[in-house]
Amino acid sequence: MSERTVDLICADVQQAKNEAKKNILLPVREVEDVLALVDSLQQQVAELKRQLRRSDREWASATNEVVRLQEQLGEKDRKIAWLTNELGE
């Protein structure tokens, strides 16, 4: 084998190694992109859960306020009925 032939073989081996590295790095980058996407989605889900809990608390507070106002209205209606009855007798 001549020296030139050995150099060509070494060059082909090095080129094959470089190509293999590129092929390995490409999936690694894609995996990193997917992991970044998953992380982003997890953060969005966490934020939506916080918003949902806040909305649930606000809904519960509003519901309690409605119940309280309905009770007050009922008391006023009973008072009006009683006064009407007292004045009518």
N, C-alpha and C. Protein backbone atom coordinates (compact mmCIF):
# COMPACT_ATOMS: atom_id res chain seq x y z
N MET A 1 0.85 -1.17 0.00
CA MET A 1 0.00 0.00 0.00
C MET A 1 0.90 1.22 0.00
N SER A 2 0.59 2.16 -0.82
CA SER A 2 1.41 3.37 -0.90
C SER A 2 1.01 4.35 0.20
N GLU A 3 1.87 5.31 0.40
CA GLU A 3 1.61 6.33 1.42
C GLU A 3 0.36 7.12 1.08
N ARG A 4 0.17 7.38 -0.21
CA ARG A 4 -1.01 8.14 -0.67
C ARG A 4 -2.29 7.37 -0.36
N THR A 5 -2.29 6.08 -0.57
CA THR A 5 -3.48 5.26 -0.31
C THR A 5 -3.82 5.29 1.17
N VAL A 6 -2.81 5.21 2.04
CA VAL A 6 -3.04 5.26 3.48
C VAL A 6 -3.63 6.61 3.87
N ASP A 7 -3.13 7.70 3.30
CA ASP A 7 -3.66 9.03 3.60
C ASP A 7 -5.14 9.13 3.19
N LEU A 8 -5.49 8.57 2.05
CA LEU A 8 -6.88 8.61 1.60
C LEU A 8 -7.78 7.82 2.54
N ILE A 9 -7.30 6.67 2.99
CA ILE A 9 -8.09 5.86 3.92
C ILE A 9 -8.28 6.61 5.24
N CYS A 10 -7.20 7.23 5.74
CA CYS A 10 -7.29 8.01 6.98
C CYS A 10 -8.26 9.18 6.82
N ALA A 11 -8.19 9.82 5.66
CA ALA A 11 -9.10 10.95 5.39
C ALA A 11 -10.54 10.46 5.37
N ASP A 12 -10.80 9.31 4.75
CA ASP A 12 -12.15 8.75 4.70
C ASP A 12 -12.65 8.37 6.09
N VAL A 13 -11.75 7.83 6.92
CA VAL A 13 -12.12 7.45 8.28
C VAL A 13 -12.46 8.71 9.09
N GLN A 14 -11.63 9.73 8.93
CA GLN A 14 -11.89 10.99 9.65
C GLN A 14 -13.21 11.60 9.19
N GLN A 15 -13.45 11.57 7.89
CA GLN A 15 -14.69 12.11 7.35
C GLN A 15 -15.87 11.30 7.90
N ALA A 16 -15.73 10.00 7.98
CA ALA A 16 -16.80 9.15 8.51
C ALA A 16 -17.05 9.49 9.98
N LYS A 17 -15.96 9.72 10.75
CA LYS A 17 -16.11 10.10 12.15
C LYS A 17 -16.84 11.43 12.28
N ASN A 18 -16.45 12.40 11.45
CA ASN A 18 -17.10 13.71 11.49
C ASN A 18 -18.58 13.59 11.15
N GLU A 19 -18.90 12.78 10.15
CA GLU A 19 -20.30 12.59 9.75
C GLU A 19 -21.08 11.92 10.88
N ALA A 20 -20.45 10.96 11.53
CA ALA A 20 -21.10 10.27 12.65
C ALA A 20 -21.38 11.25 13.78
N LYS A 21 -20.43 12.14 14.07
CA LYS A 21 -20.64 13.14 15.11
C LYS A 21 -21.83 14.04 14.77
N LYS A 22 -21.91 14.45 13.50
CA LYS A 22 -23.05 15.30 13.09
C LYS A 22 -24.36 14.55 13.29
N ASN A 23 -24.37 13.27 12.91
CA ASN A 23 -25.60 12.48 13.03
C ASN A 23 -25.98 12.25 14.48
N ILE A 24 -24.98 12.19 15.35
CA ILE A 24 -25.27 12.03 16.78
C ILE A 24 -25.73 13.36 17.36
N LEU A 25 -25.11 14.47 16.97
CA LEU A 25 -25.47 15.77 17.52
C LEU A 25 -26.86 16.20 17.10
N LEU A 26 -27.26 15.86 15.90
CA LEU A 26 -28.58 16.25 15.43
C LEU A 26 -29.67 15.72 16.36
N PRO A 27 -29.70 14.42 16.67
CA PRO A 27 -30.73 13.94 17.60
C PRO A 27 -30.60 14.56 18.99
N VAL A 28 -29.38 14.82 19.44
CA VAL A 28 -29.20 15.45 20.74
C VAL A 28 -29.85 16.83 20.75
N ARG A 29 -29.63 17.58 19.70
CA ARG A 29 -30.26 18.91 19.61
C ARG A 29 -31.78 18.79 19.57
N GLU A 30 -32.26 17.82 18.82
CA GLU A 30 -33.71 17.63 18.75
C GLU A 30 -34.28 17.24 20.11
N VAL A 31 -33.55 16.38 20.83
CA VAL A 31 -33.99 16.00 22.17
C VAL A 31 -33.98 17.21 23.10
N GLU A 32 -32.94 18.04 23.00
CA GLU A 32 -32.89 19.26 23.81
C GLU A 32 -34.06 20.17 23.49
N ASP A 33 -34.40 20.28 22.21
CA ASP A 33 -35.56 21.11 21.82
C ASP A 33 -36.85 20.55 22.40
N VAL A 34 -36.99 19.24 22.34
CA VAL A 34 -38.20 18.61 22.89
C VAL A 34 -38.26 18.82 24.41
N LEU A 35 -37.11 18.67 25.08
CA LEU A 35 -37.08 18.88 26.53
C LEU A 35 -37.42 20.33 26.88
N ALA A 36 -36.93 21.26 26.08
CA ALA A 36 -37.25 22.67 26.31
C ALA A 36 -38.74 22.91 26.11
N LEU A 37 -39.31 22.28 25.10
CA LEU A 37 -40.74 22.41 24.85
C LEU A 37 -41.54 21.83 26.01
N VAL A 38 -41.14 20.66 26.49
CA VAL A 38 -41.83 20.03 27.63
C VAL A 38 -41.75 20.94 28.85
N ASP A 39 -40.58 21.50 29.10
CA ASP A 39 -40.40 22.41 30.24
C ASP A 39 -41.34 23.61 30.11
N SER A 40 -41.39 24.17 28.92
CA SER A 40 -42.26 25.32 28.68
C SER A 40 -43.73 24.95 28.91
N LEU A 41 -44.12 23.80 28.41
CA LEU A 41 -45.51 23.37 28.59
C LEU A 41 -45.82 23.11 30.07
N GLN A 42 -44.86 22.55 30.81
CA GLN A 42 -45.08 22.33 32.24
C GLN A 42 -45.26 23.66 32.97
N GLN A 43 -44.48 24.65 32.59
CA GLN A 43 -44.62 25.98 33.21
C GLN A 43 -45.98 26.58 32.88
N GLN A 44 -46.43 26.41 31.64
CA GLN A 44 -47.74 26.95 31.25
C GLN A 44 -48.86 26.25 32.02
N VAL A 45 -48.75 24.93 32.17
CA VAL A 45 -49.76 24.17 32.91
C VAL A 45 -49.78 24.62 34.37
N ALA A 46 -48.60 24.81 34.96
CA ALA A 46 -48.53 25.27 36.35
C ALA A 46 -49.20 26.64 36.50
N GLU A 47 -48.95 27.54 35.57
CA GLU A 47 -49.56 28.87 35.61
C GLU A 47 -51.08 28.77 35.45
N LEU A 48 -51.54 27.92 34.54
CA LEU A 48 -52.99 27.74 34.36
C LEU A 48 -53.63 27.15 35.61
N LYS A 49 -52.93 26.25 36.29
CA LYS A 49 -53.46 25.70 37.54
C LYS A 49 -53.58 26.79 38.60
N ARG A 50 -52.56 27.66 38.68
CA ARG A 50 -52.63 28.78 39.64
C ARG A 50 -53.82 29.68 39.32
N GLN A 51 -54.00 29.98 38.04
CA GLN A 51 -55.12 30.83 37.63
C GLN A 51 -56.45 30.16 37.95
N LEU A 52 -56.52 28.85 37.75
CA LEU A 52 -57.75 28.12 38.04
C LEU A 52 -58.06 28.15 39.53
N ARG A 53 -57.03 27.94 40.36
CA ARG A 53 -57.25 28.01 41.82
C ARG A 53 -57.72 29.40 42.23
N ARG A 54 -57.11 30.44 41.63
CA ARG A 54 -57.51 31.81 41.94
C ARG A 54 -58.96 32.04 41.50
N SER A 55 -59.30 31.55 40.32
CA SER A 55 -60.68 31.70 39.82
C SER A 55 -61.66 30.94 40.72
N ASP A 56 -61.25 29.75 41.17
CA ASP A 56 -62.13 28.99 42.08
C ASP A 56 -62.37 29.75 43.37
N ARG A 57 -61.31 30.37 43.91
CA ARG A 57 -61.48 31.15 45.15
C ARG A 57 -62.40 32.34 44.90
N GLU A 58 -62.21 33.02 43.76
CA GLU A 58 -63.06 34.17 43.44
C GLU A 58 -64.50 33.73 43.24
N TRP A 59 -64.71 32.58 42.60
CA TRP A 59 -66.05 32.06 42.39
C TRP A 59 -66.71 31.73 43.73
N ALA A 60 -65.96 31.09 44.60
CA ALA A 60 -66.49 30.73 45.93
C ALA A 60 -66.85 31.99 46.71
N SER A 61 -66.00 33.00 46.63
CA SER A 61 -66.27 34.26 47.32
C SER A 61 -67.52 34.92 46.77
N ALA A 62 -67.64 34.95 45.45
CA ALA A 62 -68.82 35.56 44.81
C ALA A 62 -70.08 34.77 45.17
N THR A 63 -69.98 33.45 45.20
CA THR A 63 -71.13 32.62 45.56
C THR A 63 -71.56 32.88 46.99
N ASN A 64 -70.59 32.99 47.89
CA ASN A 64 -70.91 33.30 49.30
C ASN A 64 -71.59 34.66 49.41
N GLU A 65 -71.11 35.62 48.63
CA GLU A 65 -71.72 36.96 48.64
C GLU A 65 -73.16 36.90 48.14
N VAL A 66 -73.42 36.13 47.11
CA VAL A 66 -74.78 35.99 46.58
C VAL A 66 -75.68 35.37 47.64
N VAL A 67 -75.20 34.33 48.31
CA VAL A 67 -75.99 33.68 49.36
C VAL A 67 -76.29 34.69 50.48
N ARG A 68 -75.30 35.45 50.88
CA ARG A 68 -75.48 36.44 51.94
C ARG A 68 -76.52 37.48 51.52
N LEU A 69 -76.43 37.97 50.29
CA LEU A 69 -77.39 38.96 49.81
C LEU A 69 -78.80 38.38 49.70
N GLN A 70 -78.89 37.12 49.29
CA GLN A 70 -80.21 36.48 49.22
C GLN A 70 -80.83 36.35 50.61
N GLU A 71 -79.99 36.04 51.59
CA GLU A 71 -80.49 35.95 52.97
C GLU A 71 -80.98 37.31 53.46
N GLN A 72 -80.21 38.38 53.15
CA GLN A 72 -80.63 39.73 53.54
C GLN A 72 -81.93 40.10 52.86
N LEU A 73 -82.05 39.75 51.59
CA LEU A 73 -83.28 40.06 50.85
C LEU A 73 -84.46 39.31 51.46
N GLY A 74 -84.23 38.06 51.83
CA GLY A 74 -85.29 37.28 52.47
C GLY A 74 -85.72 37.91 53.79
N GLU A 75 -84.74 38.38 54.58
CA GLU A 75 -85.05 39.05 55.85
C GLU A 75 -85.87 40.31 55.59
N LYS A 76 -85.49 41.09 54.60
CA LYS A 76 -86.23 42.32 54.28
C LYS A 76 -87.64 41.99 53.81
N ASP A 77 -87.76 40.95 52.98
CA ASP A 77 -89.11 40.55 52.51
C ASP A 77 -89.98 40.12 53.69
N ARG A 78 -89.41 39.38 54.63
CA ARG A 78 -90.18 38.95 55.81
C ARG A 78 -90.57 40.16 56.66
N LYS A 79 -89.64 41.11 56.81
CA LYS A 79 -89.92 42.32 57.60
C LYS A 79 -91.04 43.12 56.93
N ILE A 80 -90.96 43.27 55.59
CA ILE A 80 -92.01 44.01 54.86
C ILE A 80 -93.35 43.30 55.04
N ALA A 81 -93.36 41.98 54.92
CA ALA A 81 -94.62 41.22 55.08
C ALA A 81 -95.16 41.39 56.50
N TRP A 82 -94.28 41.35 57.49
CA TRP A 82 -94.73 41.51 58.87
C TRP A 82 -95.30 42.91 59.11
N LEU A 83 -94.56 43.95 58.61
CA LEU A 83 -95.03 45.33 58.77
C LEU A 83 -96.35 45.54 58.05
N THR A 84 -96.46 44.99 56.85
CA THR A 84 -97.71 45.10 56.10
C THR A 84 -98.85 44.47 56.88
N ASN A 85 -98.59 43.33 57.46
CA ASN A 85 -99.59 42.62 58.25
C ASN A 85 -99.96 43.41 59.48
N GLU A 86 -98.96 44.01 60.17
CA GLU A 86 -99.21 44.80 61.37
C GLU A 86 -100.02 46.04 61.04
N LEU A 87 -99.71 46.68 59.93
CA LEU A 87 -100.42 47.90 59.56
C LEU A 87 -101.82 47.60 59.07
N GLY A 88 -102.00 46.42 58.52
CA GLY A 88 -103.31 46.06 57.99
C GLY A 88 -104.29 45.66 59.06
N GLU A 89 -103.85 45.31 60.25
CA GLU A 89 -104.76 44.84 61.31
C GLU A 89 -105.36 45.93 62.06
